[in-house]
Amino acid sequence: AEHILASLAGPLHGGVIVGSLYAAWALYPYSPPVLDSIFGGVLFVLGALVCARFLLNPVLAFFRWYSEEAERKSGVALSADFIPLIRKLLTVAVYAIGIIIVLEHFGVDIVALVTALGVASLAVALAAQDTLANMISGFVLMADRPFKRGDRVKVAGVYGDVKRIGMRSTDILTLDGNTVTVPNSKIAAEYIE
């Protein structure tokens, strides 16, 4: 709880500053309309940034706490790959929504923008199909945990000790001292011994 409360301190300070600026601007009766429009736009963008941080900081603090607790209880470091990726994806999603709201405030056609982004993301997903399959399999391996670092396994024709479990691949140190990198999608599709 203290992590979440501490994470709200920065956005609350920013909110107080932006709210004070907005109140001062609203009470000042002599500003020209052009200055009103510019200052109002700047305050809206600052307010959107503060709101994004206000929503994002507690979620990021929760994931930081969760990764520390999971590592303490199970001894498996989720924070190495899994949690930072989720935090980055959440950050990108929240800021993308904030940018869309700001653009809509300034009269940009959001439907066309979202359609273009959808087509672009579909093209990227098709181009990176193997990488995405490995990353999703990495999520499954980290959530399911059929093995952990240091375990001796036989998977996908490779026998040895698990050296590293990453988002895209897993490194296995074979008995003759070679490191074999196995894609996570191949591990997820094979029997694990």
N, C-alpha and C. Protein backbone atom coordinates (compact mmCIF):
# COMPACT_ATOMS: atom_id res chain seq x y z
N ALA A 1 0.83 -1.20 0.00
CA ALA A 1 0.00 0.00 0.00
C ALA A 1 0.86 1.25 0.00
N GLU A 2 2.01 1.20 0.74
CA GLU A 2 2.85 2.40 0.78
C GLU A 2 3.52 2.67 -0.55
N HIS A 3 3.78 1.59 -1.36
CA HIS A 3 4.34 1.79 -2.70
C HIS A 3 3.37 2.57 -3.58
N ILE A 4 2.09 2.19 -3.49
CA ILE A 4 1.08 2.83 -4.33
C ILE A 4 0.88 4.28 -3.90
N LEU A 5 0.82 4.52 -2.59
CA LEU A 5 0.65 5.89 -2.10
C LEU A 5 1.86 6.75 -2.47
N ALA A 6 3.06 6.19 -2.35
CA ALA A 6 4.26 6.95 -2.72
C ALA A 6 4.28 7.26 -4.21
N SER A 7 3.74 6.34 -5.03
CA SER A 7 3.74 6.57 -6.47
C SER A 7 2.78 7.67 -6.89
N LEU A 8 1.82 7.99 -6.02
CA LEU A 8 0.85 9.04 -6.35
C LEU A 8 1.35 10.44 -6.00
N ALA A 9 2.47 10.54 -5.28
CA ALA A 9 2.95 11.85 -4.83
C ALA A 9 3.29 12.76 -6.00
N GLY A 10 4.05 12.24 -6.98
CA GLY A 10 4.43 13.05 -8.14
C GLY A 10 3.24 13.54 -8.94
N PRO A 11 2.31 12.64 -9.34
CA PRO A 11 1.14 13.11 -10.08
C PRO A 11 0.27 14.09 -9.29
N LEU A 12 0.18 13.91 -7.97
CA LEU A 12 -0.61 14.85 -7.17
C LEU A 12 0.03 16.24 -7.16
N HIS A 13 1.36 16.29 -7.04
CA HIS A 13 2.03 17.59 -7.11
C HIS A 13 1.81 18.24 -8.47
N GLY A 14 1.95 17.44 -9.53
CA GLY A 14 1.70 17.97 -10.87
C GLY A 14 0.27 18.43 -11.04
N GLY A 15 -0.69 17.68 -10.47
CA GLY A 15 -2.09 18.07 -10.55
C GLY A 15 -2.37 19.38 -9.83
N VAL A 16 -1.73 19.57 -8.69
CA VAL A 16 -1.90 20.83 -7.96
C VAL A 16 -1.34 21.99 -8.77
N ILE A 17 -0.19 21.80 -9.39
CA ILE A 17 0.40 22.88 -10.19
C ILE A 17 -0.47 23.21 -11.40
N VAL A 18 -0.90 22.16 -12.13
CA VAL A 18 -1.75 22.40 -13.31
C VAL A 18 -3.08 23.01 -12.90
N GLY A 19 -3.68 22.53 -11.79
CA GLY A 19 -4.94 23.11 -11.31
C GLY A 19 -4.78 24.56 -10.89
N SER A 20 -3.66 24.88 -10.27
CA SER A 20 -3.41 26.27 -9.87
C SER A 20 -3.25 27.17 -11.09
N LEU A 21 -2.51 26.68 -12.09
CA LEU A 21 -2.36 27.46 -13.32
C LEU A 21 -3.71 27.66 -14.02
N TYR A 22 -4.53 26.61 -14.03
CA TYR A 22 -5.84 26.72 -14.67
C TYR A 22 -6.71 27.73 -13.93
N ALA A 23 -6.69 27.68 -12.59
CA ALA A 23 -7.49 28.62 -11.79
C ALA A 23 -7.02 30.05 -12.01
N ALA A 24 -5.70 30.26 -12.05
CA ALA A 24 -5.17 31.61 -12.28
C ALA A 24 -5.54 32.10 -13.67
N TRP A 25 -5.48 31.22 -14.66
CA TRP A 25 -5.83 31.61 -16.02
C TRP A 25 -7.32 31.93 -16.13
N ALA A 26 -8.16 31.13 -15.47
CA ALA A 26 -9.61 31.34 -15.54
C ALA A 26 -10.01 32.63 -14.84
N LEU A 27 -9.28 33.03 -13.80
CA LEU A 27 -9.62 34.25 -13.06
C LEU A 27 -9.06 35.52 -13.68
N TYR A 28 -8.11 35.37 -14.62
CA TYR A 28 -7.51 36.56 -15.23
C TYR A 28 -8.39 37.01 -16.39
N PRO A 29 -9.02 38.20 -16.30
CA PRO A 29 -10.04 38.59 -17.29
C PRO A 29 -9.49 39.29 -18.53
N TYR A 30 -8.20 39.62 -18.59
CA TYR A 30 -7.71 40.52 -19.64
C TYR A 30 -6.88 39.83 -20.71
N SER A 31 -6.91 38.53 -20.81
CA SER A 31 -6.07 37.86 -21.81
C SER A 31 -6.76 37.87 -23.17
N PRO A 32 -5.99 38.10 -24.27
CA PRO A 32 -6.58 38.07 -25.61
C PRO A 32 -7.01 36.65 -26.00
N PRO A 33 -7.97 36.53 -26.93
CA PRO A 33 -8.49 35.20 -27.29
C PRO A 33 -7.42 34.24 -27.84
N VAL A 34 -6.44 34.76 -28.58
CA VAL A 34 -5.38 33.90 -29.12
C VAL A 34 -4.56 33.30 -27.98
N LEU A 35 -4.23 34.14 -27.01
CA LEU A 35 -3.48 33.67 -25.85
C LEU A 35 -4.32 32.68 -25.03
N ASP A 36 -5.63 32.97 -24.94
CA ASP A 36 -6.54 32.04 -24.26
C ASP A 36 -6.48 30.65 -24.90
N SER A 37 -6.53 30.63 -26.23
CA SER A 37 -6.53 29.36 -26.94
C SER A 37 -5.20 28.60 -26.74
N ILE A 38 -4.08 29.31 -26.86
CA ILE A 38 -2.78 28.67 -26.71
C ILE A 38 -2.60 28.17 -25.28
N PHE A 39 -2.89 29.03 -24.31
CA PHE A 39 -2.69 28.65 -22.91
C PHE A 39 -3.64 27.52 -22.51
N GLY A 40 -4.87 27.58 -23.02
CA GLY A 40 -5.82 26.50 -22.74
C GLY A 40 -5.36 25.17 -23.31
N GLY A 41 -4.80 25.19 -24.51
CA GLY A 41 -4.27 23.97 -25.12
C GLY A 41 -3.10 23.40 -24.34
N VAL A 42 -2.19 24.28 -23.93
CA VAL A 42 -1.03 23.84 -23.14
C VAL A 42 -1.49 23.23 -21.83
N LEU A 43 -2.45 23.87 -21.15
CA LEU A 43 -2.95 23.34 -19.89
C LEU A 43 -3.67 22.00 -20.08
N PHE A 44 -4.37 21.84 -21.21
CA PHE A 44 -5.04 20.57 -21.47
C PHE A 44 -4.02 19.45 -21.66
N VAL A 45 -2.94 19.72 -22.40
CA VAL A 45 -1.89 18.72 -22.62
C VAL A 45 -1.23 18.36 -21.29
N LEU A 46 -0.91 19.39 -20.48
CA LEU A 46 -0.30 19.12 -19.17
C LEU A 46 -1.25 18.32 -18.28
N GLY A 47 -2.53 18.67 -18.31
CA GLY A 47 -3.52 17.92 -17.53
C GLY A 47 -3.63 16.48 -17.97
N ALA A 48 -3.56 16.24 -19.28
CA ALA A 48 -3.61 14.87 -19.80
C ALA A 48 -2.39 14.07 -19.36
N LEU A 49 -1.21 14.72 -19.36
CA LEU A 49 0.00 14.04 -18.89
C LEU A 49 -0.10 13.69 -17.40
N VAL A 50 -0.61 14.62 -16.61
CA VAL A 50 -0.76 14.37 -15.17
C VAL A 50 -1.75 13.23 -14.94
N CYS A 51 -2.86 13.23 -15.68
CA CYS A 51 -3.85 12.15 -15.53
C CYS A 51 -3.27 10.80 -15.93
N ALA A 52 -2.47 10.78 -17.01
CA ALA A 52 -1.84 9.53 -17.44
C ALA A 52 -0.90 9.02 -16.35
N ARG A 53 -0.10 9.89 -15.76
CA ARG A 53 0.80 9.46 -14.69
C ARG A 53 0.01 9.04 -13.45
N PHE A 54 -1.11 9.72 -13.19
CA PHE A 54 -1.93 9.38 -12.04
C PHE A 54 -2.52 7.98 -12.18
N LEU A 55 -2.87 7.60 -13.41
CA LEU A 55 -3.39 6.25 -13.65
C LEU A 55 -2.28 5.21 -13.71
N LEU A 56 -1.14 5.59 -14.28
CA LEU A 56 -0.08 4.64 -14.55
C LEU A 56 0.79 4.32 -13.34
N ASN A 57 1.13 5.32 -12.55
CA ASN A 57 2.06 5.12 -11.44
C ASN A 57 1.60 4.05 -10.44
N PRO A 58 0.32 4.05 -10.00
CA PRO A 58 -0.08 2.98 -9.07
C PRO A 58 -0.01 1.59 -9.69
N VAL A 59 -0.33 1.47 -10.97
CA VAL A 59 -0.27 0.16 -11.63
C VAL A 59 1.19 -0.31 -11.72
N LEU A 60 2.10 0.60 -12.08
CA LEU A 60 3.51 0.23 -12.15
C LEU A 60 4.06 -0.12 -10.77
N ALA A 61 3.62 0.61 -9.74
CA ALA A 61 4.05 0.31 -8.38
C ALA A 61 3.53 -1.06 -7.95
N PHE A 62 2.30 -1.39 -8.34
CA PHE A 62 1.76 -2.71 -8.03
C PHE A 62 2.59 -3.82 -8.68
N PHE A 63 2.94 -3.65 -9.96
CA PHE A 63 3.74 -4.67 -10.64
C PHE A 63 5.13 -4.80 -10.02
N ARG A 64 5.71 -3.67 -9.59
CA ARG A 64 7.01 -3.73 -8.92
C ARG A 64 6.89 -4.53 -7.62
N TRP A 65 5.83 -4.25 -6.85
CA TRP A 65 5.61 -4.97 -5.60
C TRP A 65 5.35 -6.45 -5.87
N TYR A 66 4.54 -6.74 -6.88
CA TYR A 66 4.20 -8.13 -7.20
C TYR A 66 5.44 -8.92 -7.60
N SER A 67 6.32 -8.32 -8.42
CA SER A 67 7.53 -9.03 -8.84
C SER A 67 8.45 -9.30 -7.65
N GLU A 68 8.55 -8.34 -6.73
CA GLU A 68 9.37 -8.55 -5.54
C GLU A 68 8.79 -9.66 -4.66
N GLU A 69 7.47 -9.67 -4.50
CA GLU A 69 6.82 -10.71 -3.69
C GLU A 69 6.96 -12.09 -4.33
N ALA A 70 6.75 -12.15 -5.65
CA ALA A 70 6.87 -13.44 -6.35
C ALA A 70 8.30 -13.96 -6.27
N GLU A 71 9.28 -13.07 -6.39
CA GLU A 71 10.67 -13.50 -6.30
C GLU A 71 11.00 -13.95 -4.88
N ARG A 72 10.45 -13.26 -3.88
CA ARG A 72 10.72 -13.63 -2.48
C ARG A 72 10.09 -14.98 -2.14
N LYS A 73 8.86 -15.22 -2.63
CA LYS A 73 8.16 -16.46 -2.28
C LYS A 73 8.65 -17.66 -3.06
N SER A 74 8.92 -17.49 -4.35
CA SER A 74 9.25 -18.65 -5.18
C SER A 74 10.72 -18.74 -5.53
N GLY A 75 11.46 -17.67 -5.35
CA GLY A 75 12.87 -17.69 -5.72
C GLY A 75 13.10 -17.51 -7.21
N VAL A 76 12.03 -17.32 -7.98
CA VAL A 76 12.15 -17.13 -9.42
C VAL A 76 12.03 -15.64 -9.71
N ALA A 77 13.00 -15.11 -10.42
CA ALA A 77 13.02 -13.67 -10.71
C ALA A 77 12.15 -13.37 -11.92
N LEU A 78 10.89 -13.04 -11.66
CA LEU A 78 9.99 -12.64 -12.75
C LEU A 78 10.40 -11.29 -13.32
N SER A 79 11.05 -10.48 -12.50
CA SER A 79 11.36 -9.12 -12.91
C SER A 79 12.38 -9.07 -14.05
N ALA A 80 13.07 -10.18 -14.33
CA ALA A 80 14.11 -10.15 -15.34
C ALA A 80 13.56 -9.84 -16.73
N ASP A 81 12.44 -10.44 -17.11
CA ASP A 81 11.90 -10.23 -18.45
C ASP A 81 10.41 -9.93 -18.44
N PHE A 82 9.67 -10.67 -17.66
CA PHE A 82 8.22 -10.69 -17.74
C PHE A 82 7.59 -9.38 -17.26
N ILE A 83 7.89 -8.97 -16.04
CA ILE A 83 7.27 -7.79 -15.45
C ILE A 83 7.68 -6.51 -16.18
N PRO A 84 8.97 -6.29 -16.51
CA PRO A 84 9.31 -5.07 -17.24
C PRO A 84 8.59 -4.95 -18.59
N LEU A 85 8.38 -6.08 -19.28
CA LEU A 85 7.68 -6.02 -20.55
C LEU A 85 6.23 -5.60 -20.35
N ILE A 86 5.57 -6.16 -19.34
CA ILE A 86 4.19 -5.77 -19.05
C ILE A 86 4.12 -4.29 -18.68
N ARG A 87 5.09 -3.83 -17.87
CA ARG A 87 5.10 -2.42 -17.49
C ARG A 87 5.28 -1.51 -18.70
N LYS A 88 6.16 -1.90 -19.62
CA LYS A 88 6.36 -1.10 -20.83
C LYS A 88 5.12 -1.08 -21.70
N LEU A 89 4.48 -2.24 -21.86
CA LEU A 89 3.25 -2.30 -22.66
C LEU A 89 2.15 -1.44 -22.06
N LEU A 90 2.01 -1.49 -20.73
CA LEU A 90 1.01 -0.65 -20.07
C LEU A 90 1.32 0.83 -20.25
N THR A 91 2.61 1.19 -20.13
CA THR A 91 3.00 2.58 -20.31
C THR A 91 2.67 3.07 -21.72
N VAL A 92 3.01 2.25 -22.71
CA VAL A 92 2.71 2.63 -24.10
C VAL A 92 1.20 2.76 -24.30
N ALA A 93 0.42 1.82 -23.75
CA ALA A 93 -1.04 1.86 -23.92
C ALA A 93 -1.65 3.11 -23.29
N VAL A 94 -1.23 3.42 -22.06
CA VAL A 94 -1.80 4.60 -21.37
C VAL A 94 -1.43 5.88 -22.10
N TYR A 95 -0.16 6.01 -22.52
CA TYR A 95 0.23 7.23 -23.23
C TYR A 95 -0.40 7.32 -24.61
N ALA A 96 -0.62 6.18 -25.26
CA ALA A 96 -1.31 6.19 -26.56
C ALA A 96 -2.74 6.68 -26.40
N ILE A 97 -3.42 6.22 -25.36
CA ILE A 97 -4.79 6.69 -25.10
C ILE A 97 -4.77 8.18 -24.79
N GLY A 98 -3.78 8.62 -24.00
CA GLY A 98 -3.65 10.05 -23.69
C GLY A 98 -3.42 10.89 -24.94
N ILE A 99 -2.57 10.41 -25.84
CA ILE A 99 -2.31 11.14 -27.09
C ILE A 99 -3.56 11.21 -27.94
N ILE A 100 -4.31 10.12 -27.99
CA ILE A 100 -5.56 10.11 -28.77
C ILE A 100 -6.55 11.13 -28.19
N ILE A 101 -6.66 11.19 -26.86
CA ILE A 101 -7.57 12.16 -26.23
C ILE A 101 -7.12 13.59 -26.52
N VAL A 102 -5.81 13.85 -26.45
CA VAL A 102 -5.30 15.19 -26.75
C VAL A 102 -5.56 15.56 -28.21
N LEU A 103 -5.29 14.63 -29.12
CA LEU A 103 -5.53 14.91 -30.54
C LEU A 103 -7.01 15.16 -30.82
N GLU A 104 -7.88 14.40 -30.16
CA GLU A 104 -9.32 14.63 -30.35
C GLU A 104 -9.72 16.00 -29.83
N HIS A 105 -9.11 16.43 -28.73
CA HIS A 105 -9.38 17.77 -28.17
C HIS A 105 -9.02 18.87 -29.17
N PHE A 106 -7.96 18.64 -29.95
CA PHE A 106 -7.52 19.64 -30.92
C PHE A 106 -8.14 19.45 -32.30
N GLY A 107 -9.14 18.57 -32.41
CA GLY A 107 -9.91 18.45 -33.64
C GLY A 107 -9.34 17.52 -34.69
N VAL A 108 -8.40 16.65 -34.33
CA VAL A 108 -7.85 15.69 -35.29
C VAL A 108 -8.84 14.54 -35.44
N ASP A 109 -9.00 14.04 -36.68
CA ASP A 109 -9.92 12.94 -36.96
C ASP A 109 -9.34 11.65 -36.38
N ILE A 110 -9.89 11.21 -35.26
CA ILE A 110 -9.37 10.06 -34.54
C ILE A 110 -9.69 8.75 -35.25
N VAL A 111 -10.84 8.67 -35.89
CA VAL A 111 -11.25 7.43 -36.55
C VAL A 111 -10.23 7.04 -37.63
N ALA A 112 -9.82 8.01 -38.42
CA ALA A 112 -8.83 7.73 -39.47
C ALA A 112 -7.49 7.33 -38.85
N LEU A 113 -7.11 7.99 -37.77
CA LEU A 113 -5.84 7.68 -37.11
C LEU A 113 -5.85 6.27 -36.51
N VAL A 114 -6.94 5.92 -35.83
CA VAL A 114 -7.04 4.59 -35.22
C VAL A 114 -7.09 3.51 -36.31
N THR A 115 -7.77 3.78 -37.42
CA THR A 115 -7.81 2.83 -38.53
C THR A 115 -6.41 2.62 -39.11
N ALA A 116 -5.67 3.71 -39.30
CA ALA A 116 -4.30 3.59 -39.82
C ALA A 116 -3.41 2.83 -38.85
N LEU A 117 -3.56 3.11 -37.55
CA LEU A 117 -2.77 2.38 -36.55
C LEU A 117 -3.13 0.90 -36.53
N GLY A 118 -4.41 0.58 -36.72
CA GLY A 118 -4.84 -0.81 -36.75
C GLY A 118 -4.24 -1.56 -37.93
N VAL A 119 -4.26 -0.93 -39.10
CA VAL A 119 -3.67 -1.56 -40.29
C VAL A 119 -2.17 -1.73 -40.11
N ALA A 120 -1.50 -0.71 -39.55
CA ALA A 120 -0.05 -0.80 -39.33
C ALA A 120 0.29 -1.89 -38.32
N SER A 121 -0.50 -1.99 -37.25
CA SER A 121 -0.22 -3.03 -36.25
C SER A 121 -0.48 -4.43 -36.82
N LEU A 122 -1.46 -4.57 -37.70
CA LEU A 122 -1.70 -5.86 -38.36
C LEU A 122 -0.52 -6.24 -39.25
N ALA A 123 0.02 -5.26 -39.97
CA ALA A 123 1.18 -5.53 -40.82
C ALA A 123 2.39 -5.93 -39.98
N VAL A 124 2.61 -5.24 -38.86
CA VAL A 124 3.73 -5.58 -37.98
C VAL A 124 3.53 -6.96 -37.38
N ALA A 125 2.29 -7.28 -36.97
CA ALA A 125 2.01 -8.59 -36.38
C ALA A 125 2.26 -9.72 -37.38
N LEU A 126 1.89 -9.51 -38.63
CA LEU A 126 2.14 -10.53 -39.65
C LEU A 126 3.63 -10.68 -39.94
N ALA A 127 4.35 -9.56 -39.95
CA ALA A 127 5.78 -9.61 -40.24
C ALA A 127 6.56 -10.26 -39.09
N ALA A 128 6.09 -10.06 -37.86
CA ALA A 128 6.80 -10.58 -36.68
C ALA A 128 6.08 -11.77 -36.07
N GLN A 129 5.47 -12.58 -36.90
CA GLN A 129 4.64 -13.68 -36.42
C GLN A 129 5.44 -14.67 -35.56
N ASP A 130 6.64 -15.05 -36.01
CA ASP A 130 7.45 -15.99 -35.24
C ASP A 130 7.90 -15.39 -33.91
N THR A 131 8.32 -14.14 -33.95
CA THR A 131 8.76 -13.48 -32.71
C THR A 131 7.61 -13.37 -31.72
N LEU A 132 6.42 -13.02 -32.20
CA LEU A 132 5.26 -12.93 -31.31
C LEU A 132 4.89 -14.29 -30.74
N ALA A 133 5.00 -15.35 -31.56
CA ALA A 133 4.72 -16.70 -31.06
C ALA A 133 5.70 -17.08 -29.96
N ASN A 134 6.98 -16.73 -30.14
CA ASN A 134 7.97 -17.01 -29.10
C ASN A 134 7.71 -16.21 -27.84
N MET A 135 7.30 -14.94 -27.99
CA MET A 135 7.04 -14.10 -26.82
C MET A 135 5.81 -14.59 -26.05
N ILE A 136 4.76 -14.98 -26.76
CA ILE A 136 3.57 -15.49 -26.09
C ILE A 136 3.90 -16.81 -25.38
N SER A 137 4.70 -17.64 -26.04
CA SER A 137 5.14 -18.89 -25.39
C SER A 137 6.00 -18.57 -24.16
N GLY A 138 6.80 -17.50 -24.23
CA GLY A 138 7.58 -17.07 -23.07
C GLY A 138 6.70 -16.66 -21.92
N PHE A 139 5.61 -15.94 -22.22
CA PHE A 139 4.64 -15.59 -21.18
C PHE A 139 4.08 -16.86 -20.53
N VAL A 140 3.71 -17.83 -21.37
CA VAL A 140 3.13 -19.07 -20.85
C VAL A 140 4.13 -19.82 -19.99
N LEU A 141 5.39 -19.88 -20.43
CA LEU A 141 6.42 -20.58 -19.65
C LEU A 141 6.66 -19.90 -18.30
N MET A 142 6.66 -18.56 -18.31
CA MET A 142 6.90 -17.85 -17.05
C MET A 142 5.71 -17.93 -16.11
N ALA A 143 4.52 -17.99 -16.67
CA ALA A 143 3.33 -18.10 -15.83
C ALA A 143 3.15 -19.53 -15.31
N ASP A 144 3.37 -20.52 -16.19
CA ASP A 144 3.16 -21.93 -15.83
C ASP A 144 4.34 -22.50 -15.05
N ARG A 145 5.54 -22.05 -15.35
CA ARG A 145 6.78 -22.47 -14.70
C ARG A 145 6.97 -23.99 -14.67
N PRO A 146 7.03 -24.65 -15.83
CA PRO A 146 7.29 -26.09 -15.81
C PRO A 146 8.71 -26.40 -15.35
N PHE A 147 9.61 -25.43 -15.45
CA PHE A 147 10.98 -25.57 -14.94
C PHE A 147 11.47 -24.19 -14.57
N LYS A 148 12.57 -24.15 -13.80
CA LYS A 148 13.17 -22.88 -13.42
C LYS A 148 14.66 -22.94 -13.72
N ARG A 149 15.32 -21.80 -13.59
CA ARG A 149 16.74 -21.74 -13.87
C ARG A 149 17.49 -22.70 -12.95
N GLY A 150 18.38 -23.50 -13.52
CA GLY A 150 19.13 -24.48 -12.75
C GLY A 150 18.58 -25.89 -12.85
N ASP A 151 17.34 -26.07 -13.29
CA ASP A 151 16.75 -27.41 -13.45
C ASP A 151 17.40 -28.13 -14.62
N ARG A 152 17.51 -29.45 -14.51
CA ARG A 152 18.00 -30.27 -15.61
C ARG A 152 16.79 -30.78 -16.38
N VAL A 153 16.74 -30.46 -17.66
CA VAL A 153 15.57 -30.80 -18.47
C VAL A 153 16.01 -31.44 -19.78
N LYS A 154 15.04 -32.13 -20.39
CA LYS A 154 15.20 -32.60 -21.76
C LYS A 154 13.98 -32.09 -22.51
N VAL A 155 14.23 -31.20 -23.45
CA VAL A 155 13.14 -30.60 -24.21
C VAL A 155 13.65 -30.28 -25.62
N ALA A 156 12.81 -30.53 -26.59
CA ALA A 156 13.12 -30.26 -28.00
C ALA A 156 14.43 -30.90 -28.43
N GLY A 157 14.69 -32.11 -27.90
CA GLY A 157 15.91 -32.83 -28.26
C GLY A 157 17.18 -32.33 -27.59
N VAL A 158 17.05 -31.41 -26.64
CA VAL A 158 18.22 -30.86 -25.94
C VAL A 158 18.15 -31.30 -24.48
N TYR A 159 19.29 -31.79 -23.97
CA TYR A 159 19.36 -32.25 -22.58
C TYR A 159 20.43 -31.44 -21.86
N GLY A 160 20.04 -30.81 -20.75
CA GLY A 160 21.01 -30.03 -20.00
C GLY A 160 20.34 -29.19 -18.92
N ASP A 161 21.12 -28.25 -18.37
CA ASP A 161 20.63 -27.38 -17.29
C ASP A 161 20.12 -26.07 -17.85
N VAL A 162 18.97 -25.63 -17.35
CA VAL A 162 18.39 -24.36 -17.80
C VAL A 162 19.24 -23.23 -17.27
N LYS A 163 19.77 -22.43 -18.18
CA LYS A 163 20.64 -21.32 -17.81
C LYS A 163 19.89 -20.00 -17.72
N ARG A 164 18.96 -19.80 -18.66
CA ARG A 164 18.20 -18.54 -18.71
C ARG A 164 16.87 -18.79 -19.39
N ILE A 165 15.81 -18.19 -18.82
CA ILE A 165 14.48 -18.24 -19.45
C ILE A 165 14.14 -16.81 -19.84
N GLY A 166 14.14 -16.56 -21.13
CA GLY A 166 13.87 -15.22 -21.63
C GLY A 166 12.50 -15.13 -22.26
N MET A 167 12.19 -13.95 -22.77
CA MET A 167 10.90 -13.74 -23.41
C MET A 167 10.82 -14.45 -24.76
N ARG A 168 11.93 -14.51 -25.48
CA ARG A 168 11.91 -15.09 -26.82
C ARG A 168 12.46 -16.50 -26.85
N SER A 169 13.42 -16.78 -25.98
CA SER A 169 14.08 -18.08 -26.04
C SER A 169 14.56 -18.49 -24.65
N THR A 170 14.97 -19.76 -24.55
CA THR A 170 15.51 -20.31 -23.31
C THR A 170 16.89 -20.89 -23.62
N ASP A 171 17.87 -20.56 -22.78
CA ASP A 171 19.23 -21.08 -22.95
C ASP A 171 19.40 -22.30 -22.07
N ILE A 172 19.89 -23.39 -22.68
CA ILE A 172 20.14 -24.63 -21.96
C ILE A 172 21.62 -24.97 -22.10
N LEU A 173 22.29 -25.18 -20.97
CA LEU A 173 23.69 -25.58 -20.95
C LEU A 173 23.76 -27.09 -20.99
N THR A 174 24.24 -27.63 -22.10
CA THR A 174 24.28 -29.08 -22.26
C THR A 174 25.40 -29.67 -21.39
N LEU A 175 25.40 -31.00 -21.26
CA LEU A 175 26.37 -31.67 -20.39
C LEU A 175 27.81 -31.55 -20.92
N ASP A 176 27.96 -31.31 -22.23
CA ASP A 176 29.31 -31.14 -22.76
C ASP A 176 29.76 -29.68 -22.77
N GLY A 177 29.00 -28.80 -22.10
CA GLY A 177 29.43 -27.40 -21.92
C GLY A 177 28.97 -26.43 -22.99
N ASN A 178 28.15 -26.85 -23.94
CA ASN A 178 27.63 -25.96 -24.97
C ASN A 178 26.32 -25.34 -24.52
N THR A 179 26.10 -24.09 -24.91
CA THR A 179 24.84 -23.42 -24.62
C THR A 179 23.98 -23.48 -25.87
N VAL A 180 22.78 -24.05 -25.73
CA VAL A 180 21.84 -24.15 -26.84
C VAL A 180 20.67 -23.22 -26.56
N THR A 181 20.37 -22.36 -27.52
CA THR A 181 19.24 -21.45 -27.39
C THR A 181 18.05 -22.06 -28.11
N VAL A 182 16.98 -22.34 -27.36
CA VAL A 182 15.79 -22.98 -27.91
C VAL A 182 14.65 -21.96 -27.93
N PRO A 183 14.01 -21.74 -29.08
CA PRO A 183 12.87 -20.82 -29.11
C PRO A 183 11.75 -21.30 -28.19
N ASN A 184 11.12 -20.35 -27.50
CA ASN A 184 10.08 -20.70 -26.54
C ASN A 184 8.87 -21.36 -27.20
N SER A 185 8.56 -21.02 -28.44
CA SER A 185 7.42 -21.65 -29.11
C SER A 185 7.67 -23.15 -29.31
N LYS A 186 8.94 -23.51 -29.55
CA LYS A 186 9.28 -24.93 -29.70
C LYS A 186 9.16 -25.65 -28.36
N ILE A 187 9.57 -25.00 -27.27
CA ILE A 187 9.46 -25.61 -25.94
C ILE A 187 8.00 -25.81 -25.58
N ALA A 188 7.16 -24.81 -25.87
CA ALA A 188 5.75 -24.90 -25.52
C ALA A 188 5.04 -26.01 -26.28
N ALA A 189 5.57 -26.37 -27.46
CA ALA A 189 4.91 -27.40 -28.28
C ALA A 189 5.45 -28.79 -28.01
N GLU A 190 6.52 -28.93 -27.19
CA GLU A 190 7.17 -30.22 -26.98
C GLU A 190 6.89 -30.75 -25.58
N TYR A 191 7.15 -32.03 -25.41
CA TYR A 191 7.13 -32.62 -24.08
C TYR A 191 8.35 -32.15 -23.33
N ILE A 192 8.18 -31.86 -22.04
CA ILE A 192 9.29 -31.42 -21.19
C ILE A 192 9.55 -32.52 -20.17
N GLU A 193 10.80 -32.97 -20.13
CA GLU A 193 11.16 -34.04 -19.18
C GLU A 193 12.09 -33.45 -18.12
